[in-house]
Amino acid sequence: MEIVFEYHNAGSSKFLSSLAKKKIKRLIKNYPFVAKSYVLFKEELSLKEKGRGYICGIRLSNPGPLLYASSHNNDLLTAFNEAIESLKTQLKKRKALL
């Protein structure tokens, strides 16, 4: 299982990367059909005024269509947690179809 991180205008953080790896690996343990994941952390200056300055997007490669979840929030960690929750819902639905 490979996890690829991308940072756009957001400084890379060892804490955030290790937390993301931990949560994604825990998620993948329950859904072994996922082959690869891509995590994007982005700071969007135009959205900062509205309190939604950080974007976290997670894409999972698996059999069939890709799963993708993204979240905008004032805090990067909160955006990541919201994206993970969205992926959990999608993975439950995908597992039911397989």
PDB file of N, CA and C in Angstrom:
ATOM      1  N   MET A   1       0.845  -1.176   0.000  1.00  0.00           N
ATOM      2  CA  MET A   1       0.000   0.000   0.000  1.00  0.00           C
ATOM      3  C   MET A   1       0.887   1.234   0.000  1.00  0.00           C
ATOM      4  N   GLU A   2       0.745   2.030  -1.014  1.00  0.00           N
ATOM      5  CA  GLU A   2       1.557   3.236  -1.151  1.00  0.00           C
ATOM      6  C   GLU A   2       0.696   4.463  -0.860  1.00  0.00           C
ATOM      7  N   ILE A   3       1.268   5.392  -0.116  1.00  0.00           N
ATOM      8  CA  ILE A   3       0.593   6.652   0.184  1.00  0.00           C
ATOM      9  C   ILE A   3       1.474   7.781  -0.342  1.00  0.00           C
ATOM     10  N   VAL A   4       0.914   8.588  -1.223  1.00  0.00           N
ATOM     11  CA  VAL A   4       1.648   9.695  -1.834  1.00  0.00           C
ATOM     12  C   VAL A   4       1.088  11.001  -1.288  1.00  0.00           C
ATOM     13  N   PHE A   5       1.969  11.883  -0.805  1.00  0.00           N
ATOM     14  CA  PHE A   5       1.558  13.175  -0.269  1.00  0.00           C
ATOM     15  C   PHE A   5       1.963  14.283  -1.226  1.00  0.00           C
ATOM     16  N   GLU A   6       1.072  15.258  -1.384  1.00  0.00           N
ATOM     17  CA  GLU A   6       1.363  16.458  -2.162  1.00  0.00           C
ATOM     18  C   GLU A   6       1.002  17.669  -1.301  1.00  0.00           C
ATOM     19  N   TYR A   7       1.870  18.649  -1.308  1.00  0.00           N
ATOM     20  CA  TYR A   7       1.628  19.886  -0.565  1.00  0.00           C
ATOM     21  C   TYR A   7       1.686  21.048  -1.555  1.00  0.00           C
ATOM     22  N   HIS A   8       0.618  21.857  -1.607  1.00  0.00           N
ATOM     23  CA  HIS A   8       0.572  23.036  -2.455  1.00  0.00           C
ATOM     24  C   HIS A   8       0.361  24.258  -1.571  1.00  0.00           C
ATOM     25  N   ASN A   9       1.345  25.110  -1.512  1.00  0.00           N
ATOM     26  CA  ASN A   9       1.319  26.337  -0.708  1.00  0.00           C
ATOM     27  C   ASN A   9       1.149  26.066   0.779  1.00  0.00           C
ATOM     28  N   ALA A  10       1.250  24.832   1.184  1.00  0.00           N
ATOM     29  CA  ALA A  10       1.172  24.480   2.604  1.00  0.00           C
ATOM     30  C   ALA A  10       2.486  23.786   2.961  1.00  0.00           C
ATOM     31  N   GLY A  11       3.095  24.208   4.044  1.00  0.00           N
ATOM     32  CA  GLY A  11       4.354  23.602   4.451  1.00  0.00           C
ATOM     33  C   GLY A  11       4.160  22.149   4.848  1.00  0.00           C
ATOM     34  N   SER A  12       5.101  21.300   4.449  1.00  0.00           N
ATOM     35  CA  SER A  12       4.984  19.895   4.807  1.00  0.00           C
ATOM     36  C   SER A  12       5.189  19.736   6.311  1.00  0.00           C
ATOM     37  N   SER A  13       4.413  18.860   6.888  1.00  0.00           N
ATOM     38  CA  SER A  13       4.430  18.657   8.323  1.00  0.00           C
ATOM     39  C   SER A  13       4.601  17.166   8.613  1.00  0.00           C
ATOM     40  N   LYS A  14       5.632  16.832   9.404  1.00  0.00           N
ATOM     41  CA  LYS A  14       5.840  15.430   9.766  1.00  0.00           C
ATOM     42  C   LYS A  14       4.687  14.918  10.615  1.00  0.00           C
ATOM     43  N   PHE A  15       4.171  15.774  11.497  1.00  0.00           N
ATOM     44  CA  PHE A  15       3.046  15.371  12.342  1.00  0.00           C
ATOM     45  C   PHE A  15       1.829  15.044  11.495  1.00  0.00           C
ATOM     46  N   LEU A  16       1.502  15.923  10.559  1.00  0.00           N
ATOM     47  CA  LEU A  16       0.331  15.721   9.708  1.00  0.00           C
ATOM     48  C   LEU A  16       0.518  14.502   8.814  1.00  0.00           C
ATOM     49  N   SER A  17       1.707  14.322   8.271  1.00  0.00           N
ATOM     50  CA  SER A  17       1.980  13.162   7.419  1.00  0.00           C
ATOM     51  C   SER A  17       1.860  11.860   8.201  1.00  0.00           C
ATOM     52  N   SER A  18       2.422  11.820   9.392  1.00  0.00           N
ATOM     53  CA  SER A  18       2.360  10.584  10.182  1.00  0.00           C
ATOM     54  C   SER A  18       0.927  10.290  10.636  1.00  0.00           C
ATOM     55  N   LEU A  19       0.189  11.322  10.990  1.00  0.00           N
ATOM     56  CA  LEU A  19      -1.206  11.127  11.368  1.00  0.00           C
ATOM     57  C   LEU A  19      -2.024  10.629  10.180  1.00  0.00           C
ATOM     58  N   ALA A  20      -1.784  11.210   9.008  1.00  0.00           N
ATOM     59  CA  ALA A  20      -2.504  10.791   7.802  1.00  0.00           C
ATOM     60  C   ALA A  20      -2.180   9.338   7.464  1.00  0.00           C
ATOM     61  N   LYS A  21      -0.908   8.955   7.550  1.00  0.00           N
ATOM     62  CA  LYS A  21      -0.527   7.566   7.283  1.00  0.00           C
ATOM     63  C   LYS A  21      -1.230   6.621   8.245  1.00  0.00           C
ATOM     64  N   LYS A  22      -1.255   6.991   9.508  1.00  0.00           N
ATOM     65  CA  LYS A  22      -1.873   6.151  10.527  1.00  0.00           C
ATOM     66  C   LYS A  22      -3.367   5.955  10.245  1.00  0.00           C
ATOM     67  N   LYS A  23      -4.067   7.047   9.952  1.00  0.00           N
ATOM     68  CA  LYS A  23      -5.508   6.952   9.723  1.00  0.00           C
ATOM     69  C   LYS A  23      -5.834   6.223   8.421  1.00  0.00           C
ATOM     70  N   ILE A  24      -5.044   6.465   7.383  1.00  0.00           N
ATOM     71  CA  ILE A  24      -5.304   5.799   6.104  1.00  0.00           C
ATOM     72  C   ILE A  24      -5.003   4.308   6.223  1.00  0.00           C
ATOM     73  N   LYS A  25      -3.925   3.943   6.896  1.00  0.00           N
ATOM     74  CA  LYS A  25      -3.615   2.527   7.075  1.00  0.00           C
ATOM     75  C   LYS A  25      -4.688   1.820   7.885  1.00  0.00           C
ATOM     76  N   ARG A  26      -5.223   2.492   8.886  1.00  0.00           N
ATOM     77  CA  ARG A  26      -6.316   1.926   9.673  1.00  0.00           C
ATOM     78  C   ARG A  26      -7.565   1.734   8.805  1.00  0.00           C
ATOM     79  N   LEU A  27      -7.804   2.681   7.930  1.00  0.00           N
ATOM     80  CA  LEU A  27      -8.945   2.601   7.018  1.00  0.00           C
ATOM     81  C   LEU A  27      -8.752   1.464   6.018  1.00  0.00           C
ATOM     82  N   ILE A  28      -7.542   1.325   5.497  1.00  0.00           N
ATOM     83  CA  ILE A  28      -7.248   0.299   4.507  1.00  0.00           C
ATOM     84  C   ILE A  28      -7.300  -1.102   5.111  1.00  0.00           C
ATOM     85  N   LYS A  29      -7.011  -1.211   6.382  1.00  0.00           N
ATOM     86  CA  LYS A  29      -7.067  -2.518   7.041  1.00  0.00           C
ATOM     87  C   LYS A  29      -8.474  -3.114   6.921  1.00  0.00           C
ATOM     88  N   ASN A  30      -9.488  -2.266   6.994  1.00  0.00           N
ATOM     89  CA  ASN A  30     -10.871  -2.731   6.879  1.00  0.00           C
ATOM     90  C   ASN A  30     -11.319  -2.907   5.435  1.00  0.00           C
ATOM     91  N   TYR A  31     -10.608  -2.287   4.498  1.00  0.00           N
ATOM     92  CA  TYR A  31     -10.972  -2.335   3.086  1.00  0.00           C
ATOM     93  C   TYR A  31      -9.721  -2.678   2.271  1.00  0.00           C
ATOM     94  N   PRO A  32      -9.341  -3.962   2.217  1.00  0.00           N
ATOM     95  CA  PRO A  32      -8.070  -4.347   1.605  1.00  0.00           C
ATOM     96  C   PRO A  32      -8.025  -4.210   0.086  1.00  0.00           C
ATOM     97  N   PHE A  33      -9.129  -3.907  -0.563  1.00  0.00           N
ATOM     98  CA  PHE A  33      -9.129  -3.776  -2.022  1.00  0.00           C
ATOM     99  C   PHE A  33      -8.512  -2.465  -2.505  1.00  0.00           C
ATOM    100  N   VAL A  34      -8.189  -1.552  -1.593  1.00  0.00           N
ATOM    101  CA  VAL A  34      -7.566  -0.279  -1.970  1.00  0.00           C
ATOM    102  C   VAL A  34      -6.080  -0.519  -2.215  1.00  0.00           C
ATOM    103  N   ALA A  35      -5.581  -0.051  -3.374  1.00  0.00           N
ATOM    104  CA  ALA A  35      -4.198  -0.309  -3.760  1.00  0.00           C
ATOM    105  C   ALA A  35      -3.257   0.855  -3.463  1.00  0.00           C
ATOM    106  N   LYS A  36      -3.728   2.082  -3.639  1.00  0.00           N
ATOM    107  CA  LYS A  36      -2.848   3.241  -3.514  1.00  0.00           C
ATOM    108  C   LYS A  36      -3.680   4.444  -3.088  1.00  0.00           C
ATOM    109  N   SER A  37      -3.054   5.349  -2.345  1.00  0.00           N
ATOM    110  CA  SER A  37      -3.780   6.557  -1.960  1.00  0.00           C
ATOM    111  C   SER A  37      -2.926   7.793  -2.218  1.00  0.00           C
ATOM    112  N   TYR A  38      -3.577   8.856  -2.590  1.00  0.00           N
ATOM    113  CA  TYR A  38      -2.951  10.149  -2.831  1.00  0.00           C
ATOM    114  C   TYR A  38      -3.598  11.160  -1.901  1.00  0.00           C
ATOM    115  N   VAL A  39      -2.794  11.888  -1.155  1.00  0.00           N
ATOM    116  CA  VAL A  39      -3.309  12.876  -0.211  1.00  0.00           C
ATOM    117  C   VAL A  39      -2.771  14.241  -0.623  1.00  0.00           C
ATOM    118  N   LEU A  40      -3.665  15.202  -0.790  1.00  0.00           N
ATOM    119  CA  LEU A  40      -3.297  16.555  -1.188  1.00  0.00           C
ATOM    120  C   LEU A  40      -3.642  17.517  -0.056  1.00  0.00           C
ATOM    121  N   PHE A  41      -2.660  18.282   0.374  1.00  0.00           N
ATOM    122  CA  PHE A  41      -2.873  19.350   1.344  1.00  0.00           C
ATOM    123  C   PHE A  41      -2.583  20.658   0.625  1.00  0.00           C
ATOM    124  N   LYS A  42      -3.543  21.565   0.665  1.00  0.00           N
ATOM    125  CA  LYS A  42      -3.392  22.806  -0.092  1.00  0.00           C
ATOM    126  C   LYS A  42      -3.891  23.986   0.727  1.00  0.00           C
ATOM    127  N   GLU A  43      -3.153  25.083   0.646  1.00  0.00           N
ATOM    128  CA  GLU A  43      -3.593  26.331   1.265  1.00  0.00           C
ATOM    129  C   GLU A  43      -4.100  27.228   0.148  1.00  0.00           C
ATOM    130  N   GLU A  44      -5.345  27.642   0.250  1.00  0.00           N
ATOM    131  CA  GLU A  44      -5.972  28.474  -0.774  1.00  0.00           C
ATOM    132  C   GLU A  44      -6.184  29.866  -0.191  1.00  0.00           C
ATOM    133  N   LEU A  45      -5.348  30.801  -0.610  1.00  0.00           N
ATOM    134  CA  LEU A  45      -5.387  32.150  -0.042  1.00  0.00           C
ATOM    135  C   LEU A  45      -6.695  32.866  -0.341  1.00  0.00           C
ATOM    136  N   SER A  46      -7.291  32.601  -1.487  1.00  0.00           N
ATOM    137  CA  SER A  46      -8.543  33.283  -1.837  1.00  0.00           C
ATOM    138  C   SER A  46      -9.700  32.854  -0.939  1.00  0.00           C
ATOM    139  N   LEU A  47      -9.622  31.680  -0.330  1.00  0.00           N
ATOM    140  CA  LEU A  47     -10.689  31.196   0.554  1.00  0.00           C
ATOM    141  C   LEU A  47     -10.445  31.536   2.019  1.00  0.00           C
ATOM    142  N   LYS A  48      -9.257  32.042   2.347  1.00  0.00           N
ATOM    143  CA  LYS A  48      -8.937  32.351   3.749  1.00  0.00           C
ATOM    144  C   LYS A  48      -9.871  33.385   4.343  1.00  0.00           C
ATOM    145  N   GLU A  49     -10.311  34.341   3.532  1.00  0.00           N
ATOM    146  CA  GLU A  49     -11.216  35.379   4.034  1.00  0.00           C
ATOM    147  C   GLU A  49     -12.533  34.792   4.499  1.00  0.00           C
ATOM    148  N   LYS A  50     -12.962  33.692   3.874  1.00  0.00           N
ATOM    149  CA  LYS A  50     -14.239  33.064   4.213  1.00  0.00           C
ATOM    150  C   LYS A  50     -14.093  32.013   5.311  1.00  0.00           C
ATOM    151  N   GLY A  51     -12.879  31.850   5.837  1.00  0.00           N
ATOM    152  CA  GLY A  51     -12.665  30.867   6.892  1.00  0.00           C
ATOM    153  C   GLY A  51     -12.532  29.455   6.363  1.00  0.00           C
ATOM    154  N   ARG A  52     -12.245  29.306   5.080  1.00  0.00           N
ATOM    155  CA  ARG A  52     -12.102  27.986   4.475  1.00  0.00           C
ATOM    156  C   ARG A  52     -10.789  27.933   3.698  1.00  0.00           C
ATOM    157  N   GLY A  53      -9.714  28.312   4.327  1.00  0.00           N
ATOM    158  CA  GLY A  53      -8.449  28.508   3.642  1.00  0.00           C
ATOM    159  C   GLY A  53      -7.642  27.263   3.351  1.00  0.00           C
ATOM    160  N   TYR A  54      -8.008  26.113   3.904  1.00  0.00           N
ATOM    161  CA  TYR A  54      -7.247  24.891   3.668  1.00  0.00           C
ATOM    162  C   TYR A  54      -8.114  23.848   2.995  1.00  0.00           C
ATOM    163  N   ILE A  55      -7.502  23.123   2.082  1.00  0.00           N
ATOM    164  CA  ILE A  55      -8.189  22.075   1.346  1.00  0.00           C
ATOM    165  C   ILE A  55      -7.417  20.779   1.539  1.00  0.00           C
ATOM    166  N   CYS A  56      -8.137  19.720   1.819  1.00  0.00           N
ATOM    167  CA  CYS A  56      -7.540  18.392   1.875  1.00  0.00           C
ATOM    168  C   CYS A  56      -8.320  17.508   0.914  1.00  0.00           C
ATOM    169  N   GLY A  57      -7.612  16.876   0.012  1.00  0.00           N
ATOM    170  CA  GLY A  57      -8.228  15.952  -0.928  1.00  0.00           C
ATOM    171  C   GLY A  57      -7.548  14.602  -0.828  1.00  0.00           C
ATOM    172  N   ILE A  58      -8.344  13.538  -0.828  1.00  0.00           N
ATOM    173  CA  ILE A  58      -7.807  12.185  -0.744  1.00  0.00           C
ATOM    174  C   ILE A  58      -8.417  11.362  -1.871  1.00  0.00           C
ATOM    175  N   ARG A  59      -7.539  10.715  -2.632  1.00  0.00           N
ATOM    176  CA  ARG A  59      -7.987   9.869  -3.743  1.00  0.00           C
ATOM    177  C   ARG A  59      -7.477   8.455  -3.482  1.00  0.00           C
ATOM    178  N   LEU A  60      -8.373   7.477  -3.618  1.00  0.00           N
ATOM    179  CA  LEU A  60      -8.008   6.080  -3.401  1.00  0.00           C
ATOM    180  C   LEU A  60      -8.153   5.303  -4.699  1.00  0.00           C
ATOM    181  N   SER A  61      -7.104   4.564  -5.063  1.00  0.00           N
ATOM    182  CA  SER A  61      -7.139   3.693  -6.237  1.00  0.00           C
ATOM    183  C   SER A  61      -7.609   2.318  -5.795  1.00  0.00           C
ATOM    184  N   ASN A  62      -8.587   1.794  -6.510  1.00  0.00           N
ATOM    185  CA  ASN A  62      -9.126   0.483  -6.206  1.00  0.00           C
ATOM    186  C   ASN A  62      -9.774  -0.079  -7.459  1.00  0.00           C
ATOM    187  N   PRO A  63     -10.255  -1.308  -7.436  1.00  0.00           N
ATOM    188  CA  PRO A  63     -10.944  -1.834  -8.608  1.00  0.00           C
ATOM    189  C   PRO A  63     -12.192  -0.992  -8.910  1.00  0.00           C
ATOM    190  N   GLY A  64     -12.370  -0.634 -10.139  1.00  0.00           N
ATOM    191  CA  GLY A  64     -13.504   0.206 -10.509  1.00  0.00           C
ATOM    192  C   GLY A  64     -13.123   1.674 -10.462  1.00  0.00           C
ATOM    193  N   PRO A  65     -14.111   2.532 -10.368  1.00  0.00           N
ATOM    194  CA  PRO A  65     -13.839   3.970 -10.342  1.00  0.00           C
ATOM    195  C   PRO A  65     -13.047   4.395  -9.102  1.00  0.00           C
ATOM    196  N   LEU A  66     -12.257   5.440  -9.253  1.00  0.00           N
ATOM    197  CA  LEU A  66     -11.504   5.993  -8.128  1.00  0.00           C
ATOM    198  C   LEU A  66     -12.460   6.585  -7.105  1.00  0.00           C
ATOM    199  N   LEU A  67     -12.068   6.529  -5.856  1.00  0.00           N
ATOM    200  CA  LEU A  67     -12.824   7.189  -4.796  1.00  0.00           C
ATOM    201  C   LEU A  67     -12.093   8.481  -4.453  1.00  0.00           C
ATOM    202  N   TYR A  68     -12.852   9.565  -4.292  1.00  0.00           N
ATOM    203  CA  TYR A  68     -12.243  10.855  -3.994  1.00  0.00           C
ATOM    204  C   TYR A  68     -13.108  11.598  -2.988  1.00  0.00           C
ATOM    205  N   ALA A  69     -12.445  12.198  -2.023  1.00  0.00           N
ATOM    206  CA  ALA A  69     -13.136  13.045  -1.057  1.00  0.00           C
ATOM    207  C   ALA A  69     -12.280  14.271  -0.817  1.00  0.00           C
ATOM    208  N   SER A  70     -12.937  15.404  -0.666  1.00  0.00           N
ATOM    209  CA  SER A  70     -12.199  16.627  -0.381  1.00  0.00           C
ATOM    210  C   SER A  70     -12.984  17.452   0.618  1.00  0.00           C
ATOM    211  N   SER A  71     -12.261  18.278   1.348  1.00  0.00           N
ATOM    212  CA  SER A  71     -12.899  19.115   2.353  1.00  0.00           C
ATOM    213  C   SER A  71     -12.176  20.448   2.436  1.00  0.00           C
ATOM    214  N   HIS A  72     -12.949  21.505   2.651  1.00  0.00           N
ATOM    215  CA  HIS A  72     -12.406  22.852   2.843  1.00  0.00           C
ATOM    216  C   HIS A  72     -12.692  23.255   4.280  1.00  0.00           C
ATOM    217  N   ASN A  73     -11.678  23.789   4.944  1.00  0.00           N
ATOM    218  CA  ASN A  73     -11.892  24.198   6.327  1.00  0.00           C
ATOM    219  C   ASN A  73     -10.845  25.221   6.725  1.00  0.00           C
ATOM    220  N   ASN A  74     -11.065  25.838   7.874  1.00  0.00           N
ATOM    221  CA  ASN A  74     -10.142  26.830   8.416  1.00  0.00           C
ATOM    222  C   ASN A  74      -8.873  26.175   8.976  1.00  0.00           C
ATOM    223  N   ASP A  75      -8.953  24.886   9.287  1.00  0.00           N
ATOM    224  CA  ASP A  75      -7.846  24.144   9.877  1.00  0.00           C
ATOM    225  C   ASP A  75      -7.545  22.931   9.000  1.00  0.00           C
ATOM    226  N   LEU A  76      -6.283  22.692   8.701  1.00  0.00           N
ATOM    227  CA  LEU A  76      -5.886  21.599   7.817  1.00  0.00           C
ATOM    228  C   LEU A  76      -6.207  20.236   8.421  1.00  0.00           C
ATOM    229  N   LEU A  77      -6.030  20.082   9.706  1.00  0.00           N
ATOM    230  CA  LEU A  77      -6.320  18.814  10.372  1.00  0.00           C
ATOM    231  C   LEU A  77      -7.815  18.495  10.341  1.00  0.00           C
ATOM    232  N   THR A  78      -8.649  19.494  10.553  1.00  0.00           N
ATOM    233  CA  THR A  78     -10.093  19.298  10.492  1.00  0.00           C
ATOM    234  C   THR A  78     -10.529  18.943   9.080  1.00  0.00           C
ATOM    235  N   ALA A  79      -9.940  19.597   8.094  1.00  0.00           N
ATOM    236  CA  ALA A  79     -10.256  19.289   6.698  1.00  0.00           C
ATOM    237  C   ALA A  79      -9.888  17.839   6.385  1.00  0.00           C
ATOM    238  N   PHE A  80      -8.743  17.380   6.882  1.00  0.00           N
ATOM    239  CA  PHE A  80      -8.330  15.993   6.669  1.00  0.00           C
ATOM    240  C   PHE A  80      -9.319  15.023   7.310  1.00  0.00           C
ATOM    241  N   ASN A  81      -9.712  15.289   8.551  1.00  0.00           N
ATOM    242  CA  ASN A  81     -10.655  14.401   9.246  1.00  0.00           C
ATOM    243  C   ASN A  81     -11.998  14.335   8.528  1.00  0.00           C
ATOM    244  N   GLU A  82     -12.474  15.458   8.014  1.00  0.00           N
ATOM    245  CA  GLU A  82     -13.737  15.465   7.269  1.00  0.00           C
ATOM    246  C   GLU A  82     -13.625  14.648   5.982  1.00  0.00           C
ATOM    247  N   ALA A  83     -12.492  14.737   5.303  1.00  0.00           N
ATOM    248  CA  ALA A  83     -12.282  13.963   4.082  1.00  0.00           C
ATOM    249  C   ALA A  83     -12.233  12.465   4.389  1.00  0.00           C
ATOM    250  N   ILE A  84     -11.590  12.089   5.494  1.00  0.00           N
ATOM    251  CA  ILE A  84     -11.536  10.679   5.901  1.00  0.00           C
ATOM    252  C   ILE A  84     -12.939  10.146   6.180  1.00  0.00           C
ATOM    253  N   GLU A  85     -13.759  10.924   6.868  1.00  0.00           N
ATOM    254  CA  GLU A  85     -15.130  10.497   7.172  1.00  0.00           C
ATOM    255  C   GLU A  85     -15.935  10.293   5.888  1.00  0.00           C
ATOM    256  N   SER A  86     -15.741  11.184   4.938  1.00  0.00           N
ATOM    257  CA  SER A  86     -16.425  11.042   3.654  1.00  0.00           C
ATOM    258  C   SER A  86     -15.971   9.774   2.929  1.00  0.00           C
ATOM    259  N   LEU A  87     -14.686   9.478   2.996  1.00  0.00           N
ATOM    260  CA  LEU A  87     -14.173   8.260   2.361  1.00  0.00           C
ATOM    261  C   LEU A  87     -14.710   7.006   3.038  1.00  0.00           C
ATOM    262  N   LYS A  88     -14.873   7.040   4.347  1.00  0.00           N
ATOM    263  CA  LYS A  88     -15.420   5.879   5.060  1.00  0.00           C
ATOM    264  C   LYS A  88     -16.796   5.526   4.511  1.00  0.00           C
ATOM    265  N   THR A  89     -17.609   6.545   4.293  1.00  0.00           N
ATOM    266  CA  THR A  89     -18.949   6.325   3.745  1.00  0.00           C
ATOM    267  C   THR A  89     -18.871   5.713   2.349  1.00  0.00           C
ATOM    268  N   GLN A  90     -17.991   6.257   1.507  1.00  0.00           N
ATOM    269  CA  GLN A  90     -17.845   5.742   0.154  1.00  0.00           C
ATOM    270  C   GLN A  90     -17.327   4.300   0.151  1.00  0.00           C
ATOM    271  N   LEU A  91     -16.379   4.000   1.036  1.00  0.00           N
ATOM    272  CA  LEU A  91     -15.824   2.653   1.104  1.00  0.00           C
ATOM    273  C   LEU A  91     -16.851   1.634   1.585  1.00  0.00           C
ATOM    274  N   LYS A  92     -17.700   2.024   2.517  1.00  0.00           N
ATOM    275  CA  LYS A  92     -18.766   1.122   2.978  1.00  0.00           C
ATOM    276  C   LYS A  92     -19.692   0.779   1.823  1.00  0.00           C
ATOM    277  N   LYS A  93     -20.047   1.767   1.028  1.00  0.00           N
ATOM    278  CA  LYS A  93     -20.909   1.531  -0.129  1.00  0.00           C
ATOM    279  C   LYS A  93     -20.222   0.646  -1.162  1.00  0.00           C
ATOM    280  N   ARG A  94     -18.918   0.889  -1.397  1.00  0.00           N
ATOM    281  CA  ARG A  94     -18.176   0.098  -2.378  1.00  0.00           C
ATOM    282  C   ARG A  94     -18.049  -1.356  -1.924  1.00  0.00           C
ATOM    283  N   LYS A  95     -17.804  -1.555  -0.630  1.00  0.00           N
ATOM    284  CA  LYS A  95     -17.653  -2.911  -0.095  1.00  0.00           C
ATOM    285  C   LYS A  95     -18.961  -3.683  -0.224  1.00  0.00           C
ATOM    286  N   ALA A  96     -20.076  -2.986  -0.060  1.00  0.00           N
ATOM    287  CA  ALA A  96     -21.376  -3.637  -0.193  1.00  0.00           C
ATOM    288  C   ALA A  96     -21.612  -4.102  -1.636  1.00  0.00           C
ATOM    289  N   LEU A  97     -21.053  -3.395  -2.609  1.00  0.00           N
ATOM    290  CA  LEU A  97     -21.234  -3.772  -4.006  1.00  0.00           C
ATOM    291  C   LEU A  97     -20.322  -4.919  -4.422  1.00  0.00           C
ATOM    292  N   LEU A  98     -19.173  -5.068  -3.756  1.00  0.00           N
ATOM    293  CA  LEU A  98     -18.228  -6.111  -4.140  1.00  0.00           C
ATOM    294  C   LEU A  98     -18.605  -7.430  -3.599  1.00  0.00           C
TER     295      LEU A  98
END
